[in-house]
């Protein structure tokens, strides 16, 4: 299969979140990552731009009745950079998680220069 996108991690925020999940959740996250890497147009069900942000997206993973979100952005068009992840327990995205993702994205682009 052709790879449309490449996924990388910025620092270890996502990895720490991932390691805290059980095997079934991890395999669902892996499934969504494969979809993002290989499908030209990823359905909004799995990857959605966050309104009101400058280029921040959320990867959406649902497993049973649990909802997980992983913040990311695009770099150079085909590179997906992962930031922090969390389990969503309410309708609204926690402000502290969103602020953390925005800060990490800013850091990522500053360290790249």
C-alpha atoms as a PDB file:
ATOM      1  CA  UNK A   1       0.000   0.000   0.000  1.00  0.00           C
ATOM      2  CA  UNK A   2       1.127   3.528  -0.719  1.00  0.00           C
ATOM      3  CA  UNK A   3       1.769   5.867   2.150  1.00  0.00           C
ATOM      4  CA  UNK A   4       0.156   9.249   1.658  1.00  0.00           C
ATOM      5  CA  UNK A   5       1.294  10.739   4.989  1.00  0.00           C
ATOM      6  CA  UNK A   6       3.975  10.134   7.574  1.00  0.00           C
ATOM      7  CA  UNK A   7       3.279  10.378  11.313  1.00  0.00           C
ATOM      8  CA  UNK A   8       5.889  11.594  13.801  1.00  0.00           C
ATOM      9  CA  UNK A   9       5.788  12.490  17.500  1.00  0.00           C
ATOM     10  CA  UNK A  10       6.873  15.808  18.940  1.00  0.00           C
ATOM     11  CA  UNK A  11       8.640  15.107  22.242  1.00  0.00           C
ATOM     12  CA  UNK A  12       7.032  12.292  24.264  1.00  0.00           C
ATOM     13  CA  UNK A  13       3.609  13.632  25.265  1.00  0.00           C
ATOM     14  CA  UNK A  14       1.695  11.344  22.921  1.00  0.00           C
ATOM     15  CA  UNK A  15       3.866   8.314  23.751  1.00  0.00           C
ATOM     16  CA  UNK A  16       3.184   8.721  27.490  1.00  0.00           C
ATOM     17  CA  UNK A  17      -0.556   8.930  26.793  1.00  0.00           C
ATOM     18  CA  UNK A  18      -0.388   5.889  24.474  1.00  0.00           C
ATOM     19  CA  UNK A  19       1.531   3.757  26.959  1.00  0.00           C
ATOM     20  CA  UNK A  20      -1.189   4.363  29.528  1.00  0.00           C
ATOM     21  CA  UNK A  21      -3.869   2.739  27.346  1.00  0.00           C
ATOM     22  CA  UNK A  22      -4.886  -0.910  27.250  1.00  0.00           C
ATOM     23  CA  UNK A  23      -4.058  -3.134  24.266  1.00  0.00           C
ATOM     24  CA  UNK A  24      -7.483  -2.821  22.635  1.00  0.00           C
ATOM     25  CA  UNK A  25      -7.363   0.988  22.734  1.00  0.00           C
ATOM     26  CA  UNK A  26      -3.767   0.914  21.418  1.00  0.00           C
ATOM     27  CA  UNK A  27      -4.802  -1.260  18.486  1.00  0.00           C
ATOM     28  CA  UNK A  28      -7.712   1.088  17.674  1.00  0.00           C
ATOM     29  CA  UNK A  29      -5.296   4.053  17.750  1.00  0.00           C
ATOM     30  CA  UNK A  30      -2.951   2.126  15.418  1.00  0.00           C
ATOM     31  CA  UNK A  31      -5.872   1.422  13.075  1.00  0.00           C
ATOM     32  CA  UNK A  32      -6.758   5.136  12.875  1.00  0.00           C
ATOM     33  CA  UNK A  33      -3.069   6.012  12.292  1.00  0.00           C
ATOM     34  CA  UNK A  34      -2.889   3.537   9.396  1.00  0.00           C
ATOM     35  CA  UNK A  35      -6.009   5.101   7.918  1.00  0.00           C
ATOM     36  CA  UNK A  36      -4.494   8.592   8.204  1.00  0.00           C
ATOM     37  CA  UNK A  37      -1.245   7.384   6.622  1.00  0.00           C
ATOM     38  CA  UNK A  38      -2.880   5.617   3.684  1.00  0.00           C
ATOM     39  CA  UNK A  39      -6.193   7.279   2.786  1.00  0.00           C
ATOM     40  CA  UNK A  40      -6.048  10.343   0.567  1.00  0.00           C
ATOM     41  CA  UNK A  41      -9.106  12.020   2.098  1.00  0.00           C
ATOM     42  CA  UNK A  42      -9.463  11.037   5.746  1.00  0.00           C
ATOM     43  CA  UNK A  43     -13.094  11.145   6.951  1.00  0.00           C
ATOM     44  CA  UNK A  44     -13.840  13.859   9.520  1.00  0.00           C
ATOM     45  CA  UNK A  45     -14.909  11.074  11.862  1.00  0.00           C
ATOM     46  CA  UNK A  46     -11.188  10.319  12.327  1.00  0.00           C
ATOM     47  CA  UNK A  47      -9.397  13.621  11.657  1.00  0.00           C
ATOM     48  CA  UNK A  48     -10.906  17.054  12.119  1.00  0.00           C
ATOM     49  CA  UNK A  49      -9.571  20.618  12.049  1.00  0.00           C
ATOM     50  CA  UNK A  50     -10.239  22.402  15.331  1.00  0.00           C
ATOM     51  CA  UNK A  51     -12.241  25.526  14.663  1.00  0.00           C
ATOM     52  CA  UNK A  52     -10.735  28.661  16.109  1.00  0.00           C
ATOM     53  CA  UNK A  53      -7.173  27.312  15.996  1.00  0.00           C
ATOM     54  CA  UNK A  54      -4.323  28.033  13.646  1.00  0.00           C
ATOM     55  CA  UNK A  55      -3.696  24.673  11.971  1.00  0.00           C
ATOM     56  CA  UNK A  56      -4.444  22.377  14.917  1.00  0.00           C
ATOM     57  CA  UNK A  57      -6.268  19.107  14.246  1.00  0.00           C
ATOM     58  CA  UNK A  58      -7.602  16.335  16.423  1.00  0.00           C
ATOM     59  CA  UNK A  59      -7.360  12.650  15.646  1.00  0.00           C
ATOM     60  CA  UNK A  60     -10.554  11.043  16.878  1.00  0.00           C
ATOM     61  CA  UNK A  61     -10.536   7.527  18.245  1.00  0.00           C
ATOM     62  CA  UNK A  62     -13.590   5.802  19.647  1.00  0.00           C
ATOM     63  CA  UNK A  63     -13.447   2.473  21.391  1.00  0.00           C
ATOM     64  CA  UNK A  64     -16.579   1.006  22.951  1.00  0.00           C
ATOM     65  CA  UNK A  65     -18.041   3.965  24.844  1.00  0.00           C
ATOM     66  CA  UNK A  66     -14.703   5.733  25.303  1.00  0.00           C
ATOM     67  CA  UNK A  67     -13.609   8.686  23.209  1.00  0.00           C
ATOM     68  CA  UNK A  68      -9.965   9.632  22.799  1.00  0.00           C
ATOM     69  CA  UNK A  69      -8.446  12.686  21.153  1.00  0.00           C
ATOM     70  CA  UNK A  70      -4.908  13.202  19.923  1.00  0.00           C
ATOM     71  CA  UNK A  71      -3.880  16.699  18.886  1.00  0.00           C
ATOM     72  CA  UNK A  72      -1.713  17.093  15.821  1.00  0.00           C
ATOM     73  CA  UNK A  73      -0.816  19.415  12.970  1.00  0.00           C
ATOM     74  CA  UNK A  74       0.466  19.094   9.436  1.00  0.00           C
ATOM     75  CA  UNK A  75       3.953  20.068   8.388  1.00  0.00           C
ATOM     76  CA  UNK A  76       5.166  20.219   4.793  1.00  0.00           C
ATOM     77  CA  UNK A  77       1.753  18.978   3.687  1.00  0.00           C
ATOM     78  CA  UNK A  78       2.261  15.238   4.214  1.00  0.00           C
ATOM     79  CA  UNK A  79       3.806  15.085   7.675  1.00  0.00           C
ATOM     80  CA  UNK A  80       1.483  14.643  10.659  1.00  0.00           C
ATOM     81  CA  UNK A  81       3.052  15.785  13.916  1.00  0.00           C
ATOM     82  CA  UNK A  82       1.450  14.328  17.068  1.00  0.00           C
ATOM     83  CA  UNK A  83       1.300  16.298  20.287  1.00  0.00           C
ATOM     84  CA  UNK A  84      -0.754  15.323  23.354  1.00  0.00           C
ATOM     85  CA  UNK A  85      -3.619  12.866  23.735  1.00  0.00           C
ATOM     86  CA  UNK A  86      -6.377  12.456  26.302  1.00  0.00           C
ATOM     87  CA  UNK A  87      -9.570  10.581  27.036  1.00  0.00           C
ATOM     88  CA  UNK A  88     -12.583  12.777  26.437  1.00  0.00           C
ATOM     89  CA  UNK A  89     -15.083  12.619  29.263  1.00  0.00           C
ATOM     90  CA  UNK A  90     -17.301  15.620  28.455  1.00  0.00           C
ATOM     91  CA  UNK A  91     -18.699  17.265  25.320  1.00  0.00           C
ATOM     92  CA  UNK A  92     -16.228  20.126  25.513  1.00  0.00           C
ATOM     93  CA  UNK A  93     -12.518  19.682  24.878  1.00  0.00           C
ATOM     94  CA  UNK A  94     -10.616  20.444  28.120  1.00  0.00           C
ATOM     95  CA  UNK A  95      -9.096  23.925  27.841  1.00  0.00           C
ATOM     96  CA  UNK A  96      -5.798  22.835  29.431  1.00  0.00           C
ATOM     97  CA  UNK A  97      -5.321  20.058  26.825  1.00  0.00           C
ATOM     98  CA  UNK A  98      -6.059  22.457  23.983  1.00  0.00           C
ATOM     99  CA  UNK A  99      -3.674  25.084  25.364  1.00  0.00           C
ATOM    100  CA  UNK A 100      -0.979  22.428  25.799  1.00  0.00           C
ATOM    101  CA  UNK A 101      -1.392  21.336  22.173  1.00  0.00           C
ATOM    102  CA  UNK A 102      -1.197  24.924  20.918  1.00  0.00           C
ATOM    103  CA  UNK A 103       1.949  25.517  22.987  1.00  0.00           C
ATOM    104  CA  UNK A 104       3.557  22.296  21.700  1.00  0.00           C
ATOM    105  CA  UNK A 105       2.724  23.160  18.095  1.00  0.00           C
ATOM    106  CA  UNK A 106       4.301  26.598  18.511  1.00  0.00           C
ATOM    107  CA  UNK A 107       7.423  25.021  20.085  1.00  0.00           C
ATOM    108  CA  UNK A 108       7.630  22.459  17.292  1.00  0.00           C
ATOM    109  CA  UNK A 109       7.713  25.095  14.556  1.00  0.00           C
ATOM    110  CA  UNK A 110      10.135  27.308  16.508  1.00  0.00           C
ATOM    111  CA  UNK A 111      12.635  24.478  17.050  1.00  0.00           C
ATOM    112  CA  UNK A 112      12.402  23.621  13.349  1.00  0.00           C
ATOM    113  CA  UNK A 113      13.618  27.038  12.196  1.00  0.00           C
END
